[in-house]
Amino acid sequence: MRTTSLKTIYLTEKELKQALANWIELEHKDTELAVHLEENACEMAWSQDGKEFIIGMDGEIMDNIVSNRDVEVISESR
């Protein structure tokens, strides 16, 4: 990271990915997604209206899937 006298912050792609991964891990407690972001190539851009920052990551990540059996067990315990 470098700054100028105008206090502009310049982040490399690696630094930005690390900052985003840290935020994902701290704010959303999603370690798996944070690691995936750091380890895979990605594309980053602002949305057309400038309200959201979009990150498209390469590779796949397994979602947490709840089986029907798990749902039945949860329902029975209530």
PDB file of N, CA and C in Angstrom:
ATOM      1  N   MET A   1       0.847  -1.170   0.000  1.00  0.00           N
ATOM      2  CA  MET A   1       0.000   0.000   0.000  1.00  0.00           C
ATOM      3  C   MET A   1       0.889   1.228   0.000  1.00  0.00           C
ATOM      4  N   ARG A   2       0.456   2.241  -0.738  1.00  0.00           N
ATOM      5  CA  ARG A   2       1.164   3.508  -0.708  1.00  0.00           C
ATOM      6  C   ARG A   2       0.148   4.633  -0.634  1.00  0.00           C
ATOM      7  N   THR A   3       0.524   5.755  -0.083  1.00  0.00           N
ATOM      8  CA  THR A   3      -0.347   6.921  -0.012  1.00  0.00           C
ATOM      9  C   THR A   3       0.375   8.118  -0.608  1.00  0.00           C
ATOM     10  N   THR A   4      -0.385   9.116  -0.989  1.00  0.00           N
ATOM     11  CA  THR A   4       0.201  10.347  -1.515  1.00  0.00           C
ATOM     12  C   THR A   4      -0.116  11.482  -0.547  1.00  0.00           C
ATOM     13  N   SER A   5       0.395  12.649  -0.841  1.00  0.00           N
ATOM     14  CA  SER A   5       0.140  13.798   0.028  1.00  0.00           C
ATOM     15  C   SER A   5      -1.338  14.181   0.030  1.00  0.00           C
ATOM     16  N   LEU A   6      -2.091  13.730  -0.967  1.00  0.00           N
ATOM     17  CA  LEU A   6      -3.526  13.980  -1.001  1.00  0.00           C
ATOM     18  C   LEU A   6      -4.295  12.909  -0.227  1.00  0.00           C
ATOM     19  N   LYS A   7      -3.561  12.031   0.409  1.00  0.00           N
ATOM     20  CA  LYS A   7      -4.119  10.931   1.186  1.00  0.00           C
ATOM     21  C   LYS A   7      -4.987  10.009   0.355  1.00  0.00           C
ATOM     22  N   THR A   8      -4.484   9.701  -0.812  1.00  0.00           N
ATOM     23  CA  THR A   8      -5.095   8.699  -1.669  1.00  0.00           C
ATOM     24  C   THR A   8      -4.425   7.372  -1.349  1.00  0.00           C
ATOM     25  N   ILE A   9      -5.200   6.340  -1.190  1.00  0.00           N
ATOM     26  CA  ILE A   9      -4.655   5.020  -0.872  1.00  0.00           C
ATOM     27  C   ILE A   9      -4.643   4.182  -2.147  1.00  0.00           C
ATOM     28  N   TYR A  10      -3.504   3.598  -2.446  1.00  0.00           N
ATOM     29  CA  TYR A  10      -3.358   2.726  -3.599  1.00  0.00           C
ATOM     30  C   TYR A  10      -3.136   1.304  -3.091  1.00  0.00           C
ATOM     31  N   LEU A  11      -4.058   0.411  -3.401  1.00  0.00           N
ATOM     32  CA  LEU A  11      -3.935  -0.985  -2.997  1.00  0.00           C
ATOM     33  C   LEU A  11      -3.636  -1.845  -4.218  1.00  0.00           C
ATOM     34  N   THR A  12      -2.751  -2.799  -4.045  1.00  0.00           N
ATOM     35  CA  THR A  12      -2.536  -3.781  -5.101  1.00  0.00           C
ATOM     36  C   THR A  12      -3.721  -4.740  -5.078  1.00  0.00           C
ATOM     37  N   GLU A  13      -3.851  -5.546  -6.118  1.00  0.00           N
ATOM     38  CA  GLU A  13      -4.935  -6.535  -6.139  1.00  0.00           C
ATOM     39  C   GLU A  13      -4.826  -7.471  -4.935  1.00  0.00           C
ATOM     40  N   LYS A  14      -3.610  -7.883  -4.625  1.00  0.00           N
ATOM     41  CA  LYS A  14      -3.399  -8.799  -3.500  1.00  0.00           C
ATOM     42  C   LYS A  14      -3.826  -8.154  -2.180  1.00  0.00           C
ATOM     43  N   GLU A  15      -3.479  -6.884  -1.987  1.00  0.00           N
ATOM     44  CA  GLU A  15      -3.853  -6.184  -0.746  1.00  0.00           C
ATOM     45  C   GLU A  15      -5.368  -6.013  -0.634  1.00  0.00           C
ATOM     46  N   LEU A  16      -6.013  -5.708  -1.749  1.00  0.00           N
ATOM     47  CA  LEU A  16      -7.466  -5.549  -1.738  1.00  0.00           C
ATOM     48  C   LEU A  16      -8.150  -6.873  -1.450  1.00  0.00           C
ATOM     49  N   LYS A  17      -7.675  -7.948  -2.084  1.00  0.00           N
ATOM     50  CA  LYS A  17      -8.249  -9.265  -1.823  1.00  0.00           C
ATOM     51  C   LYS A  17      -8.084  -9.647  -0.353  1.00  0.00           C
ATOM     52  N   GLN A  18      -6.921  -9.352   0.221  1.00  0.00           N
ATOM     53  CA  GLN A  18      -6.681  -9.666   1.630  1.00  0.00           C
ATOM     54  C   GLN A  18      -7.613  -8.870   2.531  1.00  0.00           C
ATOM     55  N   ALA A  19      -7.803  -7.584   2.232  1.00  0.00           N
ATOM     56  CA  ALA A  19      -8.687  -6.745   3.026  1.00  0.00           C
ATOM     57  C   ALA A  19     -10.125  -7.251   2.947  1.00  0.00           C
ATOM     58  N   LEU A  20     -10.567  -7.620   1.752  1.00  0.00           N
ATOM     59  CA  LEU A  20     -11.920  -8.145   1.593  1.00  0.00           C
ATOM     60  C   LEU A  20     -12.082  -9.494   2.291  1.00  0.00           C
ATOM     61  N   ALA A  21     -11.088 -10.352   2.181  1.00  0.00           N
ATOM     62  CA  ALA A  21     -11.140 -11.655   2.844  1.00  0.00           C
ATOM     63  C   ALA A  21     -11.197 -11.480   4.368  1.00  0.00           C
ATOM     64  N   ASN A  22     -10.411 -10.557   4.895  1.00  0.00           N
ATOM     65  CA  ASN A  22     -10.455 -10.285   6.338  1.00  0.00           C
ATOM     66  C   ASN A  22     -11.837  -9.798   6.753  1.00  0.00           C
ATOM     67  N   TRP A  23     -12.441  -8.923   5.960  1.00  0.00           N
ATOM     68  CA  TRP A  23     -13.765  -8.401   6.267  1.00  0.00           C
ATOM     69  C   TRP A  23     -14.809  -9.517   6.232  1.00  0.00           C
ATOM     70  N   ILE A  24     -14.736 -10.389   5.219  1.00  0.00           N
ATOM     71  CA  ILE A  24     -15.676 -11.516   5.121  1.00  0.00           C
ATOM     72  C   ILE A  24     -15.561 -12.405   6.350  1.00  0.00           C
ATOM     73  N   GLU A  25     -14.335 -12.674   6.756  1.00  0.00           N
ATOM     74  CA  GLU A  25     -14.116 -13.553   7.906  1.00  0.00           C
ATOM     75  C   GLU A  25     -14.586 -12.910   9.210  1.00  0.00           C
ATOM     76  N   LEU A  26     -14.304 -11.633   9.407  1.00  0.00           N
ATOM     77  CA  LEU A  26     -14.672 -10.954  10.650  1.00  0.00           C
ATOM     78  C   LEU A  26     -16.156 -10.634  10.737  1.00  0.00           C
ATOM     79  N   GLU A  27     -16.716 -10.109   9.675  1.00  0.00           N
ATOM     80  CA  GLU A  27     -18.112  -9.657   9.701  1.00  0.00           C
ATOM     81  C   GLU A  27     -19.114 -10.771   9.450  1.00  0.00           C
ATOM     82  N   HIS A  28     -18.742 -11.762   8.658  1.00  0.00           N
ATOM     83  CA  HIS A  28     -19.687 -12.802   8.267  1.00  0.00           C
ATOM     84  C   HIS A  28     -19.301 -14.190   8.774  1.00  0.00           C
ATOM     85  N   LYS A  29     -18.167 -14.283   9.467  1.00  0.00           N
ATOM     86  CA  LYS A  29     -17.696 -15.555  10.042  1.00  0.00           C
ATOM     87  C   LYS A  29     -17.625 -16.665   8.993  1.00  0.00           C
ATOM     88  N   ASP A  30     -17.259 -16.311   7.753  1.00  0.00           N
ATOM     89  CA  ASP A  30     -17.185 -17.284   6.666  1.00  0.00           C
ATOM     90  C   ASP A  30     -15.734 -17.484   6.243  1.00  0.00           C
ATOM     91  N   THR A  31     -15.029 -18.312   6.993  1.00  0.00           N
ATOM     92  CA  THR A  31     -13.618 -18.572   6.732  1.00  0.00           C
ATOM     93  C   THR A  31     -13.412 -19.228   5.379  1.00  0.00           C
ATOM     94  N   GLU A  32     -14.300 -20.146   5.013  1.00  0.00           N
ATOM     95  CA  GLU A  32     -14.154 -20.873   3.752  1.00  0.00           C
ATOM     96  C   GLU A  32     -14.221 -19.917   2.550  1.00  0.00           C
ATOM     97  N   LEU A  33     -15.164 -18.987   2.559  1.00  0.00           N
ATOM     98  CA  LEU A  33     -15.275 -18.029   1.465  1.00  0.00           C
ATOM     99  C   LEU A  33     -14.084 -17.075   1.442  1.00  0.00           C
ATOM    100  N   ALA A  34     -13.619 -16.672   2.615  1.00  0.00           N
ATOM    101  CA  ALA A  34     -12.452 -15.773   2.701  1.00  0.00           C
ATOM    102  C   ALA A  34     -11.221 -16.439   2.091  1.00  0.00           C
ATOM    103  N   VAL A  35     -10.989 -17.689   2.420  1.00  0.00           N
ATOM    104  CA  VAL A  35      -9.839 -18.431   1.869  1.00  0.00           C
ATOM    105  C   VAL A  35     -10.002 -18.598   0.358  1.00  0.00           C
ATOM    106  N   HIS A  36     -11.214 -18.902  -0.070  1.00  0.00           N
ATOM    107  CA  HIS A  36     -11.474 -19.075  -1.506  1.00  0.00           C
ATOM    108  C   HIS A  36     -11.154 -17.797  -2.270  1.00  0.00           C
ATOM    109  N   LEU A  37     -11.539 -16.656  -1.734  1.00  0.00           N
ATOM    110  CA  LEU A  37     -11.245 -15.375  -2.370  1.00  0.00           C
ATOM    111  C   LEU A  37      -9.741 -15.158  -2.498  1.00  0.00           C
ATOM    112  N   GLU A  38      -9.019 -15.423  -1.422  1.00  0.00           N
ATOM    113  CA  GLU A  38      -7.567 -15.206  -1.445  1.00  0.00           C
ATOM    114  C   GLU A  38      -6.844 -16.149  -2.401  1.00  0.00           C
ATOM    115  N   GLU A  39      -7.342 -17.363  -2.568  1.00  0.00           N
ATOM    116  CA  GLU A  39      -6.633 -18.383  -3.341  1.00  0.00           C
ATOM    117  C   GLU A  39      -7.013 -18.432  -4.818  1.00  0.00           C
ATOM    118  N   ASN A  40      -8.050 -17.708  -5.229  1.00  0.00           N
ATOM    119  CA  ASN A  40      -8.521 -17.799  -6.608  1.00  0.00           C
ATOM    120  C   ASN A  40      -8.497 -16.449  -7.303  1.00  0.00           C
ATOM    121  N   ALA A  41      -8.365 -16.516  -8.627  1.00  0.00           N
ATOM    122  CA  ALA A  41      -8.414 -15.298  -9.431  1.00  0.00           C
ATOM    123  C   ALA A  41      -9.817 -14.709  -9.353  1.00  0.00           C
ATOM    124  N   CYS A  42      -9.903 -13.404  -9.517  1.00  0.00           N
ATOM    125  CA  CYS A  42     -11.213 -12.768  -9.469  1.00  0.00           C
ATOM    126  C   CYS A  42     -11.228 -11.501 -10.301  1.00  0.00           C
ATOM    127  N   GLU A  43     -12.426 -11.059 -10.603  1.00  0.00           N
ATOM    128  CA  GLU A  43     -12.636  -9.795 -11.284  1.00  0.00           C
ATOM    129  C   GLU A  43     -13.408  -8.900 -10.345  1.00  0.00           C
ATOM    130  N   MET A  44     -13.036  -7.622 -10.268  1.00  0.00           N
ATOM    131  CA  MET A  44     -13.684  -6.685  -9.365  1.00  0.00           C
ATOM    132  C   MET A  44     -14.093  -5.445 -10.144  1.00  0.00           C
ATOM    133  N   ALA A  45     -15.282  -4.950  -9.854  1.00  0.00           N
ATOM    134  CA  ALA A  45     -15.769  -3.739 -10.522  1.00  0.00           C
ATOM    135  C   ALA A  45     -16.901  -3.131  -9.712  1.00  0.00           C
ATOM    136  N   TRP A  46     -17.128  -1.844  -9.919  1.00  0.00           N
ATOM    137  CA  TRP A  46     -18.281  -1.181  -9.321  1.00  0.00           C
ATOM    138  C   TRP A  46     -19.497  -1.441 -10.196  1.00  0.00           C
ATOM    139  N   SER A  47     -20.672  -1.572  -9.588  1.00  0.00           N
ATOM    140  CA  SER A  47     -21.910  -1.708 -10.348  1.00  0.00           C
ATOM    141  C   SER A  47     -22.144  -0.428 -11.144  1.00  0.00           C
ATOM    142  N   GLN A  48     -23.033  -0.483 -12.125  1.00  0.00           N
ATOM    143  CA  GLN A  48     -23.271   0.683 -12.982  1.00  0.00           C
ATOM    144  C   GLN A  48     -23.738   1.895 -12.196  1.00  0.00           C
ATOM    145  N   ASP A  49     -24.534   1.671 -11.147  1.00  0.00           N
ATOM    146  CA  ASP A  49     -25.009   2.817 -10.362  1.00  0.00           C
ATOM    147  C   ASP A  49     -24.004   3.235  -9.291  1.00  0.00           C
ATOM    148  N   GLY A  50     -22.897   2.479  -9.165  1.00  0.00           N
ATOM    149  CA  GLY A  50     -21.843   2.833  -8.218  1.00  0.00           C
ATOM    150  C   GLY A  50     -22.169   2.565  -6.767  1.00  0.00           C
ATOM    151  N   LYS A  51     -23.245   1.829  -6.498  1.00  0.00           N
ATOM    152  CA  LYS A  51     -23.660   1.586  -5.112  1.00  0.00           C
ATOM    153  C   LYS A  51     -23.109   0.283  -4.535  1.00  0.00           C
ATOM    154  N   GLU A  52     -22.656  -0.621  -5.415  1.00  0.00           N
ATOM    155  CA  GLU A  52     -22.142  -1.901  -4.946  1.00  0.00           C
ATOM    156  C   GLU A  52     -20.818  -2.216  -5.627  1.00  0.00           C
ATOM    157  N   PHE A  53     -19.941  -2.896  -4.884  1.00  0.00           N
ATOM    158  CA  PHE A  53     -18.676  -3.378  -5.421  1.00  0.00           C
ATOM    159  C   PHE A  53     -18.858  -4.860  -5.688  1.00  0.00           C
ATOM    160  N   ILE A  54     -18.614  -5.287  -6.905  1.00  0.00           N
ATOM    161  CA  ILE A  54     -18.887  -6.660  -7.320  1.00  0.00           C
ATOM    162  C   ILE A  54     -17.584  -7.426  -7.449  1.00  0.00           C
ATOM    163  N   ILE A  55     -17.554  -8.635  -6.875  1.00  0.00           N
ATOM    164  CA  ILE A  55     -16.377  -9.503  -6.957  1.00  0.00           C
ATOM    165  C   ILE A  55     -16.814 -10.826  -7.566  1.00  0.00           C
ATOM    166  N   GLY A  56     -16.296 -11.144  -8.740  1.00  0.00           N
ATOM    167  CA  GLY A  56     -16.554 -12.432  -9.374  1.00  0.00           C
ATOM    168  C   GLY A  56     -15.335 -13.313  -9.179  1.00  0.00           C
ATOM    169  N   MET A  57     -15.512 -14.443  -8.497  1.00  0.00           N
ATOM    170  CA  MET A  57     -14.386 -15.326  -8.182  1.00  0.00           C
ATOM    171  C   MET A  57     -14.383 -16.558  -9.070  1.00  0.00           C
ATOM    172  N   ASP A  58     -13.195 -16.978  -9.482  1.00  0.00           N
ATOM    173  CA  ASP A  58     -13.039 -18.230 -10.208  1.00  0.00           C
ATOM    174  C   ASP A  58     -13.180 -19.392  -9.232  1.00  0.00           C
ATOM    175  N   GLY A  59     -13.396 -20.566  -9.782  1.00  0.00           N
ATOM    176  CA  GLY A  59     -13.471 -21.766  -8.957  1.00  0.00           C
ATOM    177  C   GLY A  59     -14.855 -21.951  -8.357  1.00  0.00           C
ATOM    178  N   GLU A  60     -15.022 -23.072  -7.727  1.00  0.00           N
ATOM    179  CA  GLU A  60     -16.302 -23.394  -7.101  1.00  0.00           C
ATOM    180  C   GLU A  60     -16.102 -23.586  -5.613  1.00  0.00           C
ATOM    181  N   ILE A  61     -17.179 -23.348  -4.879  1.00  0.00           N
ATOM    182  CA  ILE A  61     -17.158 -23.553  -3.442  1.00  0.00           C
ATOM    183  C   ILE A  61     -18.437 -24.301  -3.081  1.00  0.00           C
ATOM    184  N   MET A  62     -18.325 -25.254  -2.207  1.00  0.00           N
ATOM    185  CA  MET A  62     -19.488 -26.041  -1.808  1.00  0.00           C
ATOM    186  C   MET A  62     -20.313 -25.254  -0.801  1.00  0.00           C
ATOM    187  N   ASP A  63     -21.601 -25.125  -1.090  1.00  0.00           N
ATOM    188  CA  ASP A  63     -22.516 -24.498  -0.139  1.00  0.00           C
ATOM    189  C   ASP A  63     -22.838 -25.495   0.962  1.00  0.00           C
ATOM    190  N   ASN A  64     -23.205 -24.977   2.118  1.00  0.00           N
ATOM    191  CA  ASN A  64     -23.655 -25.849   3.190  1.00  0.00           C
ATOM    192  C   ASN A  64     -25.045 -26.349   2.839  1.00  0.00           C
ATOM    193  N   ILE A  65     -25.158 -27.642   2.654  1.00  0.00           N
ATOM    194  CA  ILE A  65     -26.426 -28.243   2.250  1.00  0.00           C
ATOM    195  C   ILE A  65     -26.987 -29.031   3.436  1.00  0.00           C
ATOM    196  N   VAL A  66     -28.252 -28.800   3.718  1.00  0.00           N
ATOM    197  CA  VAL A  66     -28.924 -29.521   4.784  1.00  0.00           C
ATOM    198  C   VAL A  66     -29.748 -30.626   4.132  1.00  0.00           C
ATOM    199  N   SER A  67     -29.517 -31.848   4.544  1.00  0.00           N
ATOM    200  CA  SER A  67     -30.258 -32.961   3.962  1.00  0.00           C
ATOM    201  C   SER A  67     -31.665 -33.025   4.549  1.00  0.00           C
ATOM    202  N   ASN A  68     -32.538 -33.752   3.872  1.00  0.00           N
ATOM    203  CA  ASN A  68     -33.901 -33.940   4.378  1.00  0.00           C
ATOM    204  C   ASN A  68     -33.887 -34.590   5.747  1.00  0.00           C
ATOM    205  N   ARG A  69     -32.974 -35.515   5.966  1.00  0.00           N
ATOM    206  CA  ARG A  69     -32.869 -36.209   7.260  1.00  0.00           C
ATOM    207  C   ARG A  69     -32.558 -35.196   8.364  1.00  0.00           C
ATOM    208  N   ASP A  70     -31.644 -34.266   8.109  1.00  0.00           N
ATOM    209  CA  ASP A  70     -31.315 -33.245   9.103  1.00  0.00           C
ATOM    210  C   ASP A  70     -32.527 -32.379   9.421  1.00  0.00           C
ATOM    211  N   VAL A  71     -33.315 -32.058   8.406  1.00  0.00           N
ATOM    212  CA  VAL A  71     -34.515 -31.245   8.619  1.00  0.00           C
ATOM    213  C   VAL A  71     -35.512 -32.008   9.466  1.00  0.00           C
ATOM    214  N   GLU A  72     -35.681 -33.310   9.203  1.00  0.00           N
ATOM    215  CA  GLU A  72     -36.601 -34.134   9.988  1.00  0.00           C
ATOM    216  C   GLU A  72     -36.170 -34.192  11.451  1.00  0.00           C
ATOM    217  N   VAL A  73     -34.889 -34.341  11.708  1.00  0.00           N
ATOM    218  CA  VAL A  73     -34.386 -34.418  13.072  1.00  0.00           C
ATOM    219  C   VAL A  73     -34.619 -33.090  13.792  1.00  0.00           C
ATOM    220  N   ILE A  74     -34.388 -31.994  13.097  1.00  0.00           N
ATOM    221  CA  ILE A  74     -34.619 -30.678  13.705  1.00  0.00           C
ATOM    222  C   ILE A  74     -36.102 -30.505  14.011  1.00  0.00           C
ATOM    223  N   SER A  75     -36.974 -30.919  13.089  1.00  0.00           N
ATOM    224  CA  SER A  75     -38.421 -30.774  13.290  1.00  0.00           C
ATOM    225  C   SER A  75     -38.899 -31.611  14.463  1.00  0.00           C
ATOM    226  N   GLU A  76     -38.372 -32.838  14.590  1.00  0.00           N
ATOM    227  CA  GLU A  76     -38.786 -33.722  15.676  1.00  0.00           C
ATOM    228  C   GLU A  76     -38.359 -33.212  17.039  1.00  0.00           C
ATOM    229  N   SER A  77     -37.247 -32.479  17.096  1.00  0.00           N
ATOM    230  CA  SER A  77     -36.751 -32.018  18.387  1.00  0.00           C
ATOM    231  C   SER A  77     -37.519 -30.800  18.902  1.00  0.00           C
ATOM    232  N   ARG A  78     -38.356 -30.213  18.088  1.00  0.00           N
ATOM    233  CA  ARG A  78     -39.140 -29.030  18.506  1.00  0.00           C
ATOM    234  C   ARG A  78     -40.393 -29.374  19.182  1.00  0.00           C
TER     235      ARG A  78
END
